[in-house]
Amino acid sequence: MSEIVVSSRLDAPAERVWERAITPEGINDEMRPWLRMTIPAGVESLDPESVVLGERIGRSWILLFGLIPFDYDDLVLVRMEAGRGFLERSTMLSQRLWEHERTIEPEGDGGCTVTDRVRWEPRLGLPGRLLRPAIGWFFRHRHARLRRRFGGAPA
């Protein structure tokens, strides 16, 4: 299993960052312009009131440049604490295991620190380390988009 960790210090309250991070608009804003994720039918946001932890929410298609389906995520949230973070543990077409943990830690000055820890195990016997540069780059891109929206710096 391989892993990357990316953190950013944002100039916005944890609650505001959380409210954006659990919406389809917020998720896709972080991924633009390279990727877009569909949201399973009937799901308007990934908030604790609308999902059952540990159960498959549905299939999200991953679209290259927002148009070309190239992977999917059978989305399962196993832990969620409103305003503080989540743990997704899913399978994908390309990954036997995809684990994305986001934590949002409030800071005393009204800002917060967002940390994404991503672990994966590819299918087809590929070594996970081969994907580390691409996945690391993509999550650094997501954090750059967060910092552009909320202000801040890499942590």
N, C-alpha and C. Protein backbone atom coordinates (compact mmCIF):
# COMPACT_ATOMS: atom_id res chain seq x y z
N MET A 1 0.85 -1.18 0.00
CA MET A 1 0.00 0.00 0.00
C MET A 1 0.89 1.24 0.00
N SER A 2 0.52 2.23 -0.79
CA SER A 2 1.28 3.48 -0.87
C SER A 2 0.49 4.61 -0.26
N GLU A 3 1.17 5.69 0.07
CA GLU A 3 0.53 6.80 0.78
C GLU A 3 1.18 8.13 0.43
N ILE A 4 0.37 9.18 0.38
CA ILE A 4 0.86 10.57 0.31
C ILE A 4 0.09 11.38 1.34
N VAL A 5 0.69 12.47 1.80
CA VAL A 5 0.04 13.39 2.73
C VAL A 5 0.31 14.80 2.23
N VAL A 6 -0.75 15.62 2.14
CA VAL A 6 -0.62 17.01 1.71
C VAL A 6 -1.41 17.87 2.69
N SER A 7 -0.81 18.97 3.17
CA SER A 7 -1.48 19.87 4.12
C SER A 7 -1.38 21.31 3.66
N SER A 8 -2.40 22.08 4.00
CA SER A 8 -2.41 23.52 3.73
C SER A 8 -3.00 24.26 4.91
N ARG A 9 -2.48 25.42 5.16
CA ARG A 9 -3.02 26.33 6.17
C ARG A 9 -3.91 27.31 5.42
N LEU A 10 -5.21 27.32 5.74
CA LEU A 10 -6.17 28.17 5.02
C LEU A 10 -6.61 29.33 5.90
N ASP A 11 -6.89 30.46 5.26
CA ASP A 11 -7.33 31.66 5.96
C ASP A 11 -8.85 31.73 6.03
N ALA A 12 -9.48 30.65 6.44
CA ALA A 12 -10.94 30.58 6.56
C ALA A 12 -11.27 29.66 7.72
N PRO A 13 -12.40 29.88 8.37
CA PRO A 13 -12.81 29.00 9.48
C PRO A 13 -13.06 27.58 8.99
N ALA A 14 -12.78 26.62 9.86
CA ALA A 14 -12.97 25.21 9.54
C ALA A 14 -14.38 24.93 9.04
N GLU A 15 -15.38 25.53 9.65
CA GLU A 15 -16.77 25.27 9.28
C GLU A 15 -17.04 25.69 7.83
N ARG A 16 -16.48 26.81 7.43
CA ARG A 16 -16.70 27.30 6.05
C ARG A 16 -16.02 26.37 5.04
N VAL A 17 -14.81 25.93 5.36
CA VAL A 17 -14.09 25.01 4.48
C VAL A 17 -14.85 23.69 4.38
N TRP A 18 -15.34 23.19 5.51
CA TRP A 18 -16.11 21.95 5.53
C TRP A 18 -17.36 22.05 4.68
N GLU A 19 -18.12 23.12 4.85
CA GLU A 19 -19.37 23.30 4.10
C GLU A 19 -19.13 23.24 2.60
N ARG A 20 -18.02 23.75 2.16
CA ARG A 20 -17.68 23.72 0.73
C ARG A 20 -17.18 22.33 0.31
N ALA A 21 -16.38 21.69 1.17
CA ALA A 21 -15.72 20.43 0.82
C ALA A 21 -16.67 19.26 0.64
N ILE A 22 -17.87 19.31 1.22
CA ILE A 22 -18.78 18.16 1.13
C ILE A 22 -19.82 18.32 0.03
N THR A 23 -19.74 19.40 -0.75
CA THR A 23 -20.69 19.61 -1.84
C THR A 23 -20.08 19.17 -3.18
N PRO A 24 -20.90 18.73 -4.12
CA PRO A 24 -20.38 18.41 -5.45
C PRO A 24 -19.63 19.59 -6.07
N GLU A 25 -20.16 20.79 -5.89
CA GLU A 25 -19.50 21.97 -6.45
C GLU A 25 -18.12 22.16 -5.86
N GLY A 26 -18.00 22.02 -4.54
CA GLY A 26 -16.71 22.18 -3.88
C GLY A 26 -15.72 21.10 -4.26
N ILE A 27 -16.17 19.85 -4.29
CA ILE A 27 -15.30 18.74 -4.68
C ILE A 27 -14.75 18.97 -6.08
N ASN A 28 -15.65 19.30 -7.00
CA ASN A 28 -15.22 19.46 -8.39
C ASN A 28 -14.40 20.71 -8.61
N ASP A 29 -14.63 21.76 -7.81
CA ASP A 29 -13.80 22.95 -7.92
C ASP A 29 -12.35 22.62 -7.59
N GLU A 30 -12.13 21.77 -6.59
CA GLU A 30 -10.77 21.37 -6.23
C GLU A 30 -10.10 20.59 -7.36
N MET A 31 -10.88 19.83 -8.11
CA MET A 31 -10.32 18.94 -9.13
C MET A 31 -10.10 19.61 -10.48
N ARG A 32 -10.80 20.72 -10.73
CA ARG A 32 -10.72 21.38 -12.03
C ARG A 32 -9.31 21.83 -12.37
N PRO A 33 -8.95 21.92 -13.61
CA PRO A 33 -9.68 21.51 -14.81
C PRO A 33 -9.42 20.07 -15.22
N TRP A 34 -8.61 19.35 -14.45
CA TRP A 34 -8.15 18.03 -14.87
C TRP A 34 -9.20 16.94 -14.73
N LEU A 35 -9.93 16.96 -13.62
CA LEU A 35 -10.91 15.91 -13.37
C LEU A 35 -12.22 16.48 -12.88
N ARG A 36 -13.25 15.67 -12.98
CA ARG A 36 -14.55 15.96 -12.38
C ARG A 36 -15.11 14.63 -11.92
N MET A 37 -15.82 14.66 -10.79
CA MET A 37 -16.48 13.46 -10.26
C MET A 37 -17.98 13.63 -10.35
N THR A 38 -18.66 12.61 -10.81
CA THR A 38 -20.11 12.65 -10.73
C THR A 38 -20.49 12.27 -9.29
N ILE A 39 -21.67 12.63 -8.90
CA ILE A 39 -22.18 12.30 -7.58
C ILE A 39 -23.31 11.29 -7.77
N PRO A 40 -23.35 10.22 -6.97
CA PRO A 40 -24.41 9.21 -7.14
C PRO A 40 -25.80 9.85 -7.11
N ALA A 41 -26.70 9.29 -7.88
CA ALA A 41 -28.08 9.79 -7.96
C ALA A 41 -28.69 9.89 -6.57
N GLY A 42 -29.39 10.99 -6.34
CA GLY A 42 -30.09 11.20 -5.09
C GLY A 42 -29.23 11.79 -3.97
N VAL A 43 -27.94 11.99 -4.22
CA VAL A 43 -27.05 12.55 -3.20
C VAL A 43 -26.77 14.01 -3.56
N GLU A 44 -27.17 14.92 -2.67
CA GLU A 44 -26.94 16.34 -2.93
C GLU A 44 -25.66 16.84 -2.28
N SER A 45 -25.27 16.22 -1.17
CA SER A 45 -23.99 16.53 -0.54
C SER A 45 -23.59 15.34 0.30
N LEU A 46 -22.34 15.31 0.68
CA LEU A 46 -21.83 14.20 1.47
C LEU A 46 -21.80 14.57 2.95
N ASP A 47 -22.94 15.04 3.44
CA ASP A 47 -23.01 15.42 4.85
C ASP A 47 -23.48 14.23 5.69
N PRO A 48 -23.22 14.27 7.00
CA PRO A 48 -23.56 13.13 7.86
C PRO A 48 -25.04 12.76 7.85
N GLU A 49 -25.92 13.70 7.56
CA GLU A 49 -27.35 13.41 7.56
C GLU A 49 -27.81 12.68 6.30
N SER A 50 -27.01 12.73 5.23
CA SER A 50 -27.47 12.15 3.97
C SER A 50 -26.76 10.86 3.57
N VAL A 51 -25.80 10.39 4.37
CA VAL A 51 -25.11 9.14 4.04
C VAL A 51 -25.14 8.20 5.24
N VAL A 52 -25.10 6.91 4.96
CA VAL A 52 -25.01 5.89 6.01
C VAL A 52 -23.55 5.44 6.04
N LEU A 53 -22.89 5.70 7.15
CA LEU A 53 -21.48 5.36 7.27
C LEU A 53 -21.27 3.85 7.12
N GLY A 54 -20.24 3.51 6.35
CA GLY A 54 -19.90 2.11 6.14
C GLY A 54 -20.66 1.43 5.03
N GLU A 55 -21.65 2.10 4.46
CA GLU A 55 -22.42 1.52 3.35
C GLU A 55 -22.09 2.25 2.05
N ARG A 56 -22.12 1.50 0.98
CA ARG A 56 -21.84 2.07 -0.35
C ARG A 56 -22.87 3.15 -0.66
N ILE A 57 -22.39 4.34 -0.96
CA ILE A 57 -23.26 5.46 -1.31
C ILE A 57 -23.71 5.33 -2.75
N GLY A 58 -22.81 4.88 -3.60
CA GLY A 58 -23.09 4.74 -5.01
C GLY A 58 -21.81 4.88 -5.80
N ARG A 59 -21.95 4.85 -7.10
CA ARG A 59 -20.79 4.94 -7.99
C ARG A 59 -20.63 6.37 -8.49
N SER A 60 -19.42 6.88 -8.33
CA SER A 60 -19.04 8.18 -8.86
C SER A 60 -18.08 7.94 -10.01
N TRP A 61 -18.40 8.49 -11.16
CA TRP A 61 -17.50 8.37 -12.30
C TRP A 61 -16.48 9.49 -12.24
N ILE A 62 -15.23 9.15 -12.57
CA ILE A 62 -14.14 10.11 -12.64
C ILE A 62 -13.97 10.45 -14.11
N LEU A 63 -14.11 11.74 -14.43
CA LEU A 63 -14.09 12.19 -15.82
C LEU A 63 -12.84 13.02 -16.09
N LEU A 64 -12.02 12.57 -17.02
CA LEU A 64 -10.84 13.30 -17.43
C LEU A 64 -11.27 14.56 -18.18
N PHE A 65 -10.71 15.70 -17.80
CA PHE A 65 -11.09 17.01 -18.35
C PHE A 65 -12.58 17.28 -18.21
N GLY A 66 -13.22 16.60 -17.27
CA GLY A 66 -14.64 16.80 -17.01
C GLY A 66 -15.55 16.13 -18.01
N LEU A 67 -14.99 15.38 -18.98
CA LEU A 67 -15.80 14.82 -20.06
C LEU A 67 -15.62 13.33 -20.30
N ILE A 68 -14.40 12.82 -20.16
CA ILE A 68 -14.08 11.46 -20.59
C ILE A 68 -14.03 10.53 -19.39
N PRO A 69 -14.99 9.58 -19.27
CA PRO A 69 -14.94 8.64 -18.14
C PRO A 69 -13.71 7.75 -18.26
N PHE A 70 -12.91 7.67 -17.19
CA PHE A 70 -11.75 6.80 -17.24
C PHE A 70 -11.58 5.96 -15.97
N ASP A 71 -12.37 6.22 -14.95
CA ASP A 71 -12.31 5.43 -13.72
C ASP A 71 -13.62 5.66 -12.98
N TYR A 72 -13.87 4.85 -11.98
CA TYR A 72 -15.01 5.08 -11.10
C TYR A 72 -14.61 4.81 -9.67
N ASP A 73 -15.40 5.35 -8.76
CA ASP A 73 -15.19 5.21 -7.32
C ASP A 73 -16.50 4.70 -6.74
N ASP A 74 -16.47 3.48 -6.19
CA ASP A 74 -17.65 2.97 -5.46
C ASP A 74 -17.54 3.53 -4.04
N LEU A 75 -18.13 4.67 -3.86
CA LEU A 75 -17.93 5.56 -2.72
C LEU A 75 -18.51 5.01 -1.41
N VAL A 76 -17.63 4.90 -0.39
CA VAL A 76 -18.03 4.48 0.96
C VAL A 76 -17.34 5.40 1.96
N LEU A 77 -18.13 6.08 2.78
CA LEU A 77 -17.57 6.88 3.87
C LEU A 77 -17.68 6.06 5.15
N VAL A 78 -16.56 5.86 5.82
CA VAL A 78 -16.58 5.03 7.03
C VAL A 78 -16.53 5.87 8.31
N ARG A 79 -16.11 7.11 8.19
CA ARG A 79 -16.08 8.02 9.33
C ARG A 79 -16.32 9.43 8.84
N MET A 80 -17.11 10.17 9.61
CA MET A 80 -17.36 11.56 9.26
C MET A 80 -17.67 12.31 10.53
N GLU A 81 -16.97 13.41 10.71
CA GLU A 81 -17.23 14.30 11.83
C GLU A 81 -17.47 15.68 11.25
N ALA A 82 -18.71 16.14 11.31
CA ALA A 82 -19.10 17.41 10.71
C ALA A 82 -18.14 18.52 11.14
N GLY A 83 -17.64 19.24 10.16
CA GLY A 83 -16.74 20.35 10.40
C GLY A 83 -15.30 19.96 10.64
N ARG A 84 -15.02 18.66 10.80
CA ARG A 84 -13.66 18.23 11.15
C ARG A 84 -13.03 17.25 10.17
N GLY A 85 -13.85 16.50 9.41
CA GLY A 85 -13.23 15.62 8.43
C GLY A 85 -13.99 14.34 8.16
N PHE A 86 -13.37 13.51 7.31
CA PHE A 86 -13.99 12.26 6.90
C PHE A 86 -12.91 11.24 6.56
N LEU A 87 -13.34 9.99 6.48
CA LEU A 87 -12.49 8.91 5.99
C LEU A 87 -13.31 8.14 4.97
N GLU A 88 -12.84 8.16 3.74
CA GLU A 88 -13.44 7.38 2.66
C GLU A 88 -12.59 6.13 2.47
N ARG A 89 -13.23 4.99 2.39
CA ARG A 89 -12.53 3.73 2.10
C ARG A 89 -13.35 3.04 1.01
N SER A 90 -12.89 3.14 -0.21
CA SER A 90 -13.65 2.70 -1.37
C SER A 90 -12.83 1.77 -2.25
N THR A 91 -13.50 1.22 -3.25
CA THR A 91 -12.80 0.53 -4.34
C THR A 91 -13.04 1.34 -5.60
N MET A 92 -12.11 1.21 -6.52
CA MET A 92 -12.22 1.89 -7.80
C MET A 92 -11.95 0.87 -8.90
N LEU A 93 -12.24 1.26 -10.12
CA LEU A 93 -11.90 0.40 -11.25
C LEU A 93 -10.39 0.13 -11.24
N SER A 94 -9.60 1.16 -10.97
CA SER A 94 -8.14 1.05 -11.02
C SER A 94 -7.50 0.67 -9.69
N GLN A 95 -8.25 0.77 -8.58
CA GLN A 95 -7.67 0.55 -7.26
C GLN A 95 -8.46 -0.49 -6.47
N ARG A 96 -7.75 -1.48 -5.95
CA ARG A 96 -8.37 -2.47 -5.07
C ARG A 96 -8.83 -1.79 -3.79
N LEU A 97 -8.04 -0.80 -3.34
CA LEU A 97 -8.38 0.00 -2.17
C LEU A 97 -8.00 1.44 -2.42
N TRP A 98 -8.92 2.35 -2.11
CA TRP A 98 -8.67 3.79 -2.18
C TRP A 98 -9.14 4.35 -0.85
N GLU A 99 -8.21 4.94 -0.10
CA GLU A 99 -8.54 5.48 1.21
C GLU A 99 -8.14 6.95 1.22
N HIS A 100 -9.11 7.82 1.40
CA HIS A 100 -8.87 9.27 1.44
C HIS A 100 -9.39 9.79 2.77
N GLU A 101 -8.47 10.29 3.57
CA GLU A 101 -8.84 10.89 4.85
C GLU A 101 -8.54 12.38 4.79
N ARG A 102 -9.55 13.17 5.07
CA ARG A 102 -9.36 14.63 5.15
C ARG A 102 -9.66 15.06 6.57
N THR A 103 -8.72 15.80 7.14
CA THR A 103 -8.94 16.39 8.45
C THR A 103 -8.87 17.90 8.31
N ILE A 104 -9.71 18.57 9.07
CA ILE A 104 -9.75 20.03 9.10
C ILE A 104 -9.61 20.44 10.55
N GLU A 105 -8.47 21.04 10.88
CA GLU A 105 -8.16 21.43 12.26
C GLU A 105 -8.31 22.94 12.40
N PRO A 106 -9.22 23.41 13.25
CA PRO A 106 -9.35 24.85 13.48
C PRO A 106 -8.07 25.40 14.12
N GLU A 107 -7.73 26.61 13.75
CA GLU A 107 -6.60 27.31 14.34
C GLU A 107 -7.14 28.48 15.16
N GLY A 108 -6.38 28.93 16.13
CA GLY A 108 -6.82 29.98 17.04
C GLY A 108 -7.11 31.33 16.40
N ASP A 109 -6.55 31.57 15.24
CA ASP A 109 -6.72 32.88 14.59
C ASP A 109 -7.88 32.92 13.60
N GLY A 110 -8.74 31.90 13.63
CA GLY A 110 -9.90 31.87 12.72
C GLY A 110 -9.65 31.12 11.44
N GLY A 111 -8.44 30.65 11.21
CA GLY A 111 -8.13 29.85 10.04
C GLY A 111 -8.21 28.37 10.39
N CYS A 112 -7.69 27.54 9.50
CA CYS A 112 -7.66 26.10 9.75
C CYS A 112 -6.55 25.45 8.94
N THR A 113 -6.22 24.24 9.31
CA THR A 113 -5.28 23.43 8.54
C THR A 113 -6.03 22.24 7.97
N VAL A 114 -5.92 22.06 6.66
CA VAL A 114 -6.54 20.93 5.97
C VAL A 114 -5.44 19.96 5.59
N THR A 115 -5.65 18.69 5.94
CA THR A 115 -4.69 17.65 5.59
C THR A 115 -5.41 16.52 4.89
N ASP A 116 -4.88 16.14 3.74
CA ASP A 116 -5.38 14.98 3.01
C ASP A 116 -4.32 13.89 3.09
N ARG A 117 -4.73 12.73 3.60
CA ARG A 117 -3.89 11.54 3.60
C ARG A 117 -4.58 10.55 2.66
N VAL A 118 -3.84 10.12 1.65
CA VAL A 118 -4.39 9.21 0.65
C VAL A 118 -3.54 7.95 0.62
N ARG A 119 -4.22 6.80 0.71
CA ARG A 119 -3.55 5.49 0.62
C ARG A 119 -4.25 4.72 -0.49
N TRP A 120 -3.47 3.91 -1.22
CA TRP A 120 -4.07 3.16 -2.31
C TRP A 120 -3.31 1.86 -2.55
N GLU A 121 -4.05 0.93 -3.15
CA GLU A 121 -3.50 -0.35 -3.56
C GLU A 121 -4.05 -0.64 -4.95
N PRO A 122 -3.21 -0.52 -5.97
CA PRO A 122 -3.69 -0.71 -7.35
C PRO A 122 -4.13 -2.14 -7.63
N ARG A 123 -4.99 -2.26 -8.61
CA ARG A 123 -5.36 -3.57 -9.13
C ARG A 123 -4.26 -4.00 -10.12
N LEU A 124 -4.37 -5.16 -10.65
CA LEU A 124 -3.47 -5.69 -11.69
C LEU A 124 -2.03 -5.83 -11.24
N GLY A 125 -1.79 -5.87 -9.93
CA GLY A 125 -0.44 -6.12 -9.43
C GLY A 125 0.56 -5.01 -9.66
N LEU A 126 0.10 -3.84 -10.07
CA LEU A 126 1.02 -2.71 -10.25
C LEU A 126 1.52 -2.22 -8.89
N PRO A 127 2.80 -1.89 -8.78
CA PRO A 127 3.27 -1.31 -7.52
C PRO A 127 2.67 0.08 -7.31
N GLY A 128 2.14 0.31 -6.11
CA GLY A 128 1.52 1.59 -5.81
C GLY A 128 2.47 2.76 -5.93
N ARG A 129 3.76 2.50 -5.70
CA ARG A 129 4.74 3.60 -5.75
C ARG A 129 4.81 4.24 -7.14
N LEU A 130 4.44 3.48 -8.18
CA LEU A 130 4.45 4.05 -9.53
C LEU A 130 3.44 5.18 -9.67
N LEU A 131 2.36 5.15 -8.88
CA LEU A 131 1.33 6.18 -8.95
C LEU A 131 1.59 7.35 -8.01
N ARG A 132 2.55 7.20 -7.09
CA ARG A 132 2.81 8.24 -6.08
C ARG A 132 3.05 9.62 -6.71
N PRO A 133 3.87 9.77 -7.76
CA PRO A 133 4.06 11.11 -8.33
C PRO A 133 2.77 11.73 -8.85
N ALA A 134 1.95 10.94 -9.55
CA ALA A 134 0.71 11.48 -10.13
C ALA A 134 -0.31 11.83 -9.05
N ILE A 135 -0.48 10.94 -8.08
CA ILE A 135 -1.47 11.19 -7.02
C ILE A 135 -1.00 12.35 -6.14
N GLY A 136 0.30 12.39 -5.84
CA GLY A 136 0.84 13.52 -5.07
C GLY A 136 0.65 14.83 -5.80
N TRP A 137 0.94 14.85 -7.10
CA TRP A 137 0.75 16.07 -7.90
C TRP A 137 -0.73 16.50 -7.86
N PHE A 138 -1.64 15.53 -8.03
CA PHE A 138 -3.05 15.87 -8.09
C PHE A 138 -3.54 16.45 -6.77
N PHE A 139 -3.13 15.89 -5.64
CA PHE A 139 -3.58 16.43 -4.36
C PHE A 139 -2.90 17.76 -4.03
N ARG A 140 -1.68 17.98 -4.49
CA ARG A 140 -1.08 19.31 -4.36
C ARG A 140 -1.86 20.32 -5.20
N HIS A 141 -2.33 19.90 -6.37
CA HIS A 141 -3.18 20.74 -7.21
C HIS A 141 -4.48 21.08 -6.47
N ARG A 142 -5.09 20.07 -5.85
CA ARG A 142 -6.34 20.32 -5.09
C ARG A 142 -6.09 21.33 -3.98
N HIS A 143 -4.98 21.22 -3.29
CA HIS A 143 -4.68 22.17 -2.21
C HIS A 143 -4.38 23.56 -2.75
N ALA A 144 -3.75 23.64 -3.91
CA ALA A 144 -3.54 24.96 -4.53
C ALA A 144 -4.89 25.60 -4.84
N ARG A 145 -5.84 24.82 -5.29
CA ARG A 145 -7.19 25.34 -5.56
C ARG A 145 -7.86 25.79 -4.26
N LEU A 146 -7.69 25.02 -3.18
CA LEU A 146 -8.24 25.43 -1.88
C LEU A 146 -7.62 26.75 -1.43
N ARG A 147 -6.30 26.87 -1.55
CA ARG A 147 -5.63 28.10 -1.13
C ARG A 147 -6.05 29.28 -1.98
N ARG A 148 -6.28 29.05 -3.26
CA ARG A 148 -6.76 30.13 -4.13
C ARG A 148 -8.14 30.61 -3.69
N ARG A 149 -8.99 29.69 -3.29
CA ARG A 149 -10.35 30.05 -2.88
C ARG A 149 -10.37 30.71 -1.51
N PHE A 150 -9.63 30.16 -0.53
CA PHE A 150 -9.73 30.62 0.85
C PHE A 150 -8.53 31.45 1.32
N GLY A 151 -7.47 31.51 0.54
CA GLY A 151 -6.24 32.13 0.99
C GLY A 151 -5.47 31.16 1.86
N GLY A 152 -4.17 31.36 1.96
CA GLY A 152 -3.38 30.50 2.81
C GLY A 152 -2.07 30.11 2.16
N ALA A 153 -1.44 29.08 2.71
CA ALA A 153 -0.13 28.63 2.25
C ALA A 153 0.01 27.15 2.54
N PRO A 154 0.96 26.50 1.84
CA PRO A 154 1.22 25.09 2.18
C PRO A 154 1.64 24.98 3.64
N ALA A 155 1.23 23.92 4.30
CA ALA A 155 1.58 23.75 5.73
C ALA A 155 2.91 23.03 5.86
